[in-house]
């Protein structure tokens, strides 16, 4: 038995990629699809369970996921915005987790180390919202204690928990992340080019 309640992870991977012109989560990065990176990192972490919410082109995205312990949830209402995927992920959680880390499927540089940093902070201050911070700017992923789940489920439109964070600004703890590339996401072709360039930098540094 854990001496602490588990902390869940929810990866949001249901969007339409409307600005990309192709399905961004299936674009290649390294030797696997872009979505596989965040999911693999979440599965390697101490988060339990790991929920992946799919919507647009769910079959193809599911086939692109790495072999792992993730549980897939399909959001039939994904076209109504990210809030519906967040709700689907929260509703899929069992009763045990004390909170959930919300990750975006299009942030491939969110590493195991980054996830563990945020989860460690969440365990230290279990009543607080904990967000990754890049060069002083709040970003993703974000951890929410269970006390905020009802508010998160009530969010509508194309946002995750931004409005909930705004309402509870005084309860937010930031964890500064050294690698600013971890903030990169793939909303447009230009974003994808930035991700490819960052991947090259990381690969060169790793080989150097």
Protein backbone atom coordinates (compact mmCIF):
# COMPACT_ATOMS: atom_id res chain seq x y z
CA UNK A 1 0.00 0.00 0.00
CA UNK A 2 1.08 3.58 -0.65
CA UNK A 3 1.49 5.65 2.48
CA UNK A 4 0.01 8.49 0.38
CA UNK A 5 -2.93 8.56 -1.97
CA UNK A 6 -1.89 8.18 -5.62
CA UNK A 7 -1.78 11.17 -7.94
CA UNK A 8 -3.31 10.63 -11.38
CA UNK A 9 -2.24 11.95 -14.78
CA UNK A 10 -4.62 12.94 -17.58
CA UNK A 11 -3.20 13.50 -21.08
CA UNK A 12 -5.50 15.57 -23.31
CA UNK A 13 -5.14 14.30 -26.88
CA UNK A 14 -8.57 14.80 -28.45
CA UNK A 15 -8.27 18.02 -30.45
CA UNK A 16 -8.91 18.62 -34.14
CA UNK A 17 -5.53 20.25 -35.01
CA UNK A 18 -7.49 22.85 -36.97
CA UNK A 19 -4.55 25.26 -37.39
CA UNK A 20 -2.01 22.58 -38.32
CA UNK A 21 -3.66 21.29 -41.49
CA UNK A 22 -2.67 17.74 -40.51
CA UNK A 23 -3.21 15.75 -37.34
CA UNK A 24 -0.52 17.28 -35.15
CA UNK A 25 -0.43 14.38 -32.68
CA UNK A 26 0.55 11.98 -35.47
CA UNK A 27 3.38 14.12 -36.86
CA UNK A 28 6.76 12.38 -36.58
CA UNK A 29 9.28 13.40 -33.93
CA UNK A 30 12.34 11.29 -33.48
CA UNK A 31 11.30 7.73 -34.18
CA UNK A 32 7.68 7.98 -33.03
CA UNK A 33 4.54 10.12 -33.33
CA UNK A 34 4.46 13.38 -31.42
CA UNK A 35 1.72 12.23 -29.00
CA UNK A 36 3.79 9.23 -27.89
CA UNK A 37 6.34 11.38 -26.07
CA UNK A 38 4.08 12.91 -23.41
CA UNK A 39 2.18 9.64 -22.91
CA UNK A 40 5.38 7.63 -22.46
CA UNK A 41 6.70 10.16 -19.93
CA UNK A 42 3.45 10.04 -17.95
CA UNK A 43 3.48 6.24 -17.95
CA UNK A 44 7.08 6.18 -16.73
CA UNK A 45 6.20 8.48 -13.82
CA UNK A 46 4.70 7.67 -10.46
CA UNK A 47 1.28 8.93 -11.58
CA UNK A 48 -1.52 6.38 -11.11
CA UNK A 49 -3.62 5.93 -13.16
CA UNK A 50 -2.62 7.54 -16.48
CA UNK A 51 -5.71 8.48 -18.53
CA UNK A 52 -5.38 9.49 -22.20
CA UNK A 53 -8.41 11.30 -23.61
CA UNK A 54 -8.90 10.88 -27.36
CA UNK A 55 -11.47 12.39 -29.73
CA UNK A 56 -10.60 13.47 -33.26
CA UNK A 57 -9.37 10.49 -35.29
CA UNK A 58 -9.33 8.45 -32.08
CA UNK A 59 -8.54 5.15 -33.78
CA UNK A 60 -5.40 6.43 -35.48
CA UNK A 61 -4.20 8.25 -32.37
CA UNK A 62 -4.83 5.18 -30.20
CA UNK A 63 -2.75 3.12 -32.62
CA UNK A 64 0.07 5.68 -32.33
CA UNK A 65 0.28 5.48 -28.54
CA UNK A 66 3.28 3.69 -27.05
CA UNK A 67 2.83 0.35 -25.35
CA UNK A 68 2.21 1.28 -21.74
CA UNK A 69 -0.17 1.28 -18.82
CA UNK A 70 -2.32 4.18 -20.01
CA UNK A 71 -6.10 3.86 -20.05
CA UNK A 72 -7.77 5.35 -23.12
CA UNK A 73 -11.01 7.31 -22.82
CA UNK A 74 -12.91 8.52 -25.90
CA UNK A 75 -14.54 11.94 -25.69
CA UNK A 76 -17.44 12.02 -28.18
CA UNK A 77 -17.96 15.74 -27.51
CA UNK A 78 -14.37 16.82 -28.30
CA UNK A 79 -15.56 19.30 -30.94
CA UNK A 80 -17.11 21.39 -28.15
CA UNK A 81 -13.64 22.24 -26.86
CA UNK A 82 -10.86 21.13 -24.56
CA UNK A 83 -13.06 21.49 -21.46
CA UNK A 84 -15.09 18.45 -22.54
CA UNK A 85 -11.92 16.34 -22.73
CA UNK A 86 -10.82 17.47 -19.30
CA UNK A 87 -14.26 16.53 -17.97
CA UNK A 88 -14.09 13.11 -19.65
CA UNK A 89 -10.69 12.46 -18.11
CA UNK A 90 -11.79 13.50 -14.63
CA UNK A 91 -14.94 11.38 -14.82
CA UNK A 92 -12.81 8.36 -15.75
CA UNK A 93 -10.72 8.60 -12.58
CA UNK A 94 -11.30 6.19 -9.71
CA UNK A 95 -11.91 7.54 -6.22
CA UNK A 96 -8.38 6.96 -4.89
CA UNK A 97 -6.24 9.72 -6.46
CA UNK A 98 -5.76 12.84 -4.32
CA UNK A 99 -5.48 14.93 -7.46
CA UNK A 100 -4.56 14.88 -11.13
CA UNK A 101 -1.76 16.24 -13.29
CA UNK A 102 -3.17 17.58 -16.57
CA UNK A 103 -0.83 17.23 -19.56
CA UNK A 104 -1.22 18.21 -23.22
CA UNK A 105 -0.58 15.56 -25.85
CA UNK A 106 1.24 18.04 -28.10
CA UNK A 107 4.03 18.97 -25.66
CA UNK A 108 6.72 16.38 -26.46
CA UNK A 109 9.43 17.89 -24.25
CA UNK A 110 7.46 17.35 -21.05
CA UNK A 111 9.82 14.72 -19.69
CA UNK A 112 9.65 12.18 -16.91
CA UNK A 113 11.92 14.42 -14.81
CA UNK A 114 9.61 17.42 -15.31
CA UNK A 115 6.53 15.38 -14.38
CA UNK A 116 8.23 14.07 -11.25
CA UNK A 117 9.22 17.61 -10.24
CA UNK A 118 5.61 18.77 -10.41
CA UNK A 119 4.29 15.66 -8.63
CA UNK A 120 6.89 16.07 -5.87
CA UNK A 121 5.74 19.64 -5.31
CA UNK A 122 2.12 18.43 -5.27
CA UNK A 123 2.98 15.96 -2.51
CA UNK A 124 4.74 18.67 -0.49
CA UNK A 125 1.78 21.08 -0.74
CA UNK A 126 -1.19 18.77 -1.38
CA UNK A 127 -3.82 21.49 -1.04
CA UNK A 128 -2.32 23.72 -3.74
CA UNK A 129 -2.56 23.86 -7.51
CA UNK A 130 0.95 23.25 -8.89
CA UNK A 131 1.99 24.45 -12.36
CA UNK A 132 5.16 24.19 -14.38
CA UNK A 133 6.73 27.59 -14.99
CA UNK A 134 9.00 28.56 -17.88
CA UNK A 135 11.15 31.67 -17.52
CA UNK A 136 8.69 32.95 -14.92
CA UNK A 137 5.58 32.25 -17.01
CA UNK A 138 3.00 29.72 -15.84
CA UNK A 139 2.53 26.86 -18.30
CA UNK A 140 1.66 23.19 -18.53
CA UNK A 141 1.40 20.63 -17.08
CA UNK A 142 -0.74 21.66 -14.11
CA UNK A 143 -1.67 19.60 -11.04
CA UNK A 144 -5.08 20.07 -9.43
CA UNK A 145 -6.03 18.63 -6.03
CA UNK A 146 -9.31 16.70 -5.94
CA UNK A 147 -10.95 19.64 -4.15
CA UNK A 148 -10.95 21.46 -7.51
CA UNK A 149 -12.39 18.62 -9.62
CA UNK A 150 -16.00 19.81 -9.41
CA UNK A 151 -14.98 23.28 -10.63
CA UNK A 152 -12.91 21.76 -13.43
CA UNK A 153 -15.82 19.60 -14.57
CA UNK A 154 -17.98 22.75 -14.81
CA UNK A 155 -15.59 24.54 -17.19
CA UNK A 156 -16.87 24.95 -20.76
CA UNK A 157 -15.38 25.91 -24.11
CA UNK A 158 -11.88 25.55 -25.44
CA UNK A 159 -9.87 25.78 -22.28
CA UNK A 160 -8.48 23.44 -19.68
CA UNK A 161 -8.33 24.75 -16.15
CA UNK A 162 -7.32 28.34 -16.91
CA UNK A 163 -10.41 29.94 -15.40
CA UNK A 164 -10.11 27.78 -12.27
CA UNK A 165 -6.47 28.82 -11.89
CA UNK A 166 -7.48 32.49 -12.29
CA UNK A 167 -10.08 32.17 -9.55
CA UNK A 168 -7.57 30.56 -7.19
CA UNK A 169 -4.41 32.48 -8.09
CA UNK A 170 -3.35 32.64 -4.44
CA UNK A 171 -3.36 28.85 -4.24
CA UNK A 172 -1.05 28.30 -7.21
CA UNK A 173 2.50 27.08 -6.65
CA UNK A 174 4.92 27.42 -9.58
CA UNK A 175 7.73 24.96 -10.26
CA UNK A 176 10.40 26.60 -12.41
CA UNK A 177 11.52 24.30 -15.24
CA UNK A 178 15.05 24.86 -16.54
CA UNK A 179 14.37 23.64 -20.08
CA UNK A 180 12.19 26.26 -21.78
CA UNK A 181 11.69 23.88 -24.73
CA UNK A 182 9.32 21.90 -22.52
CA UNK A 183 6.79 24.71 -23.00
CA UNK A 184 6.67 24.16 -26.77
CA UNK A 185 3.39 22.85 -28.17
CA UNK A 186 2.29 22.12 -31.72
CA UNK A 187 -0.63 24.34 -32.68
CA UNK A 188 0.62 25.50 -36.09
CA UNK A 189 3.12 24.47 -38.78
CA UNK A 190 5.55 27.08 -37.41
CA UNK A 191 5.23 25.53 -33.94
CA UNK A 192 6.06 22.12 -35.38
CA UNK A 193 9.17 23.53 -37.06
CA UNK A 194 10.26 24.97 -33.69
CA UNK A 195 9.73 21.55 -32.10
CA UNK A 196 11.80 19.86 -34.82
CA UNK A 197 14.60 22.40 -34.31
CA UNK A 198 14.51 21.85 -30.54
CA UNK A 199 14.61 18.09 -31.08
CA UNK A 200 17.75 18.52 -33.18
CA UNK A 201 19.34 20.65 -30.44
CA UNK A 202 18.48 18.10 -27.76
CA UNK A 203 19.73 15.21 -29.90
CA UNK A 204 23.02 17.00 -30.61
CA UNK A 205 23.49 17.83 -26.94
CA UNK A 206 22.78 14.24 -26.00
CA UNK A 207 25.36 12.94 -28.46
CA UNK A 208 27.97 15.57 -27.67
